[in-house]
Protein backbone atom coordinates (compact mmCIF):
# COMPACT_ATOMS: atom_id res chain seq x y z
CA MET A 1 -56.13 -23.17 -7.26
CA ARG A 2 -57.04 -26.70 -8.29
CA TYR A 3 -56.68 -27.73 -4.65
CA LEU A 4 -59.36 -25.22 -3.66
CA GLU A 5 -61.66 -26.49 -6.41
CA ARG A 6 -61.43 -29.97 -4.93
CA LEU A 7 -62.67 -28.54 -1.62
CA GLN A 8 -65.87 -27.17 -3.15
CA PRO A 9 -68.01 -30.20 -2.19
CA LEU A 10 -66.87 -29.87 1.44
CA ALA A 11 -67.56 -26.13 1.41
CA LEU A 12 -71.07 -26.74 0.10
CA LEU A 13 -71.61 -29.39 2.77
CA LEU A 14 -70.46 -26.94 5.43
CA LEU A 15 -72.86 -24.27 4.16
CA ARG A 16 -75.74 -26.76 4.20
CA VAL A 17 -74.91 -28.00 7.70
CA VAL A 18 -74.60 -24.48 9.12
CA VAL A 19 -77.83 -23.13 7.65
CA GLY A 20 -79.64 -26.38 8.48
CA ILE A 21 -78.64 -26.36 12.15
CA ILE A 22 -79.46 -22.67 12.55
CA MET A 23 -82.89 -23.03 10.94
CA ILE A 24 -83.71 -26.16 12.93
CA GLY A 25 -82.87 -24.23 16.09
CA HIS A 26 -85.08 -21.32 15.07
CA GLY A 27 -87.99 -23.53 14.06
CA TYR A 28 -87.92 -26.11 16.85
CA ALA A 29 -89.46 -23.93 19.56
CA LYS A 30 -92.15 -22.78 17.15
CA VAL A 31 -93.11 -26.29 16.06
CA PHE A 32 -92.64 -28.29 19.28
CA GLY A 33 -91.95 -25.85 22.10
CA GLY A 34 -95.43 -24.38 22.34
CA GLY A 35 -94.28 -21.22 20.60
CA MET A 36 -96.62 -21.54 17.62
CA MET A 37 -99.26 -19.26 19.14
CA ALA A 38 -96.64 -16.66 20.04
CA HIS A 39 -95.29 -16.88 16.49
CA TYR A 40 -98.86 -16.60 15.15
CA HIS A 41 -99.41 -13.37 17.09
CA LEU A 42 -95.99 -12.05 16.10
CA VAL A 43 -96.75 -12.64 12.43
CA GLN A 44 -100.10 -10.86 12.85
CA SER A 45 -98.42 -7.93 14.59
CA PHE A 46 -96.38 -7.31 11.43
CA GLY A 47 -99.54 -6.95 9.35
CA LEU A 48 -99.46 -10.42 7.81
CA PRO A 49 -102.17 -13.09 8.09
CA GLY A 50 -101.60 -15.18 11.20
CA TRP A 51 -101.89 -18.43 9.28
CA LEU A 52 -98.53 -17.64 7.65
CA ALA A 53 -96.93 -18.57 10.97
CA LEU A 54 -97.47 -22.25 10.14
CA PRO A 55 -95.56 -22.38 6.82
CA SER A 56 -92.93 -20.11 8.36
CA ALA A 57 -92.31 -22.43 11.29
CA LEU A 58 -92.47 -25.57 9.15
CA SER A 59 -90.05 -24.18 6.58
CA GLU A 60 -87.62 -23.24 9.32
CA PHE A 61 -87.71 -26.57 11.14
CA PHE A 62 -88.38 -29.18 8.47
CA GLY A 63 -86.67 -27.15 5.74
CA GLY A 64 -83.64 -26.97 7.98
CA ILE A 65 -83.67 -30.74 8.39
CA LEU A 66 -83.96 -31.30 4.65
CA VAL A 67 -81.16 -28.86 3.83
CA LEU A 68 -78.96 -30.42 6.51
CA LEU A 69 -79.53 -33.90 5.08
CA GLY A 70 -79.31 -32.77 1.48
CA LEU A 71 -82.74 -34.06 0.53
CA PHE A 72 -85.06 -31.99 -1.69
CA THR A 73 -82.44 -29.37 -0.98
CA ARG A 74 -83.31 -26.75 -3.56
CA ILE A 75 -86.99 -26.75 -2.63
CA ALA A 76 -86.24 -26.61 1.10
CA ALA A 77 -83.64 -23.87 0.65
CA GLY A 78 -86.17 -21.95 -1.44
CA ALA A 79 -88.76 -22.15 1.34
CA ILE A 80 -86.19 -20.98 3.89
CA LEU A 81 -85.08 -18.18 1.56
CA LEU A 82 -88.66 -16.96 1.21
CA ASP A 83 -89.11 -17.09 4.98
CA LEU A 84 -85.90 -15.12 5.51
CA LEU A 85 -86.80 -12.49 2.91
CA VAL A 86 -90.17 -11.91 4.58
CA ALA A 87 -88.43 -11.70 7.97
CA ILE A 88 -85.97 -9.14 6.61
CA TRP A 89 -88.78 -7.13 5.03
CA LYS A 90 -91.23 -7.16 7.93
CA VAL A 91 -89.01 -7.50 11.02
CA HIS A 92 -85.38 -6.55 10.51
CA TRP A 93 -85.27 -3.88 7.77
CA ARG A 94 -86.26 -0.97 10.01
CA ASN A 95 -83.34 -1.75 12.34
CA GLY A 96 -80.77 -1.33 9.59
CA LEU A 97 -78.03 -3.66 8.48
CA LEU A 98 -75.93 -3.61 11.65
CA GLY A 99 -78.41 -2.31 14.22
CA GLU A 100 -79.74 -4.37 17.08
CA ASN A 101 -81.97 -7.05 15.52
CA GLY A 102 -80.82 -5.79 12.11
CA TYR A 103 -80.89 -7.74 8.89
CA GLU A 104 -77.20 -8.70 8.74
CA PHE A 105 -77.71 -12.26 10.03
CA PRO A 106 -80.88 -13.18 8.09
CA LEU A 107 -79.34 -11.67 4.95
CA THR A 108 -76.29 -13.90 5.40
CA LEU A 109 -78.49 -16.98 5.79
CA ALA A 110 -80.52 -15.91 2.74
CA ALA A 111 -77.34 -15.63 0.68
CA ILE A 112 -76.31 -19.13 1.77
CA CYS A 113 -79.75 -20.44 0.78
CA LEU A 114 -79.45 -18.79 -2.62
CA ALA A 115 -76.07 -20.46 -3.13
CA VAL A 116 -77.54 -23.83 -2.17
CA ILE A 117 -80.43 -23.29 -4.58
CA CYS A 118 -78.00 -22.45 -7.39
CA TYR A 119 -75.45 -25.20 -6.75
CA GLY A 120 -77.67 -27.94 -5.33
CA ALA A 121 -76.86 -30.24 -2.46
CA GLY A 122 -73.48 -31.41 -3.71
CA PRO A 123 -72.08 -34.94 -3.62
CA PHE A 124 -72.38 -35.39 0.16
CA ALA A 125 -76.16 -35.50 0.31
CA LEU A 126 -79.05 -37.93 0.51
CA GLU A 127 -80.26 -36.66 -2.86
CA ILE A 128 -77.67 -38.92 -4.45
CA LEU A 129 -79.55 -41.91 -3.04
CA ARG A 130 -82.84 -40.48 -4.26
CA ARG A 131 -81.39 -40.14 -7.77
CA GLY A 132 -80.13 -43.70 -7.74
CA GLY A 133 -76.53 -42.94 -6.85
CA ALA A 134 -75.78 -40.77 -9.88
CA THR A 135 -74.12 -37.41 -9.36
CA LYS A 136 -75.27 -34.52 -11.50
CA ARG A 137 -72.68 -32.26 -13.14
């Protein structure tokens, strides 16, 4: 079991990289691909203020970058988690857990974000440079 404990930093890195890449992919088209207006109207169609499309898209794209790099990780993962919880509530819930466009995938990403919030970025992150090279136990 000690061997598995030594792999924990790599597992946390893998979780960060996976959720970061996925969120960057989801946010890129909204931020740069001209999809912001479509996202704005989509957000409005779910009964939310259209202006919430901006923090949603920014948290997906830039939050994904920050989580991937391990910089301001807990804050970025928190923003992504909030975005995912709203998406589950307003978009995916009515389709069920395993239905088409269900909440299985966003729930999985939300759980990863919660783990990253709880455990932090880990030793393989730019936050170590921000903290002056000291690791936090």
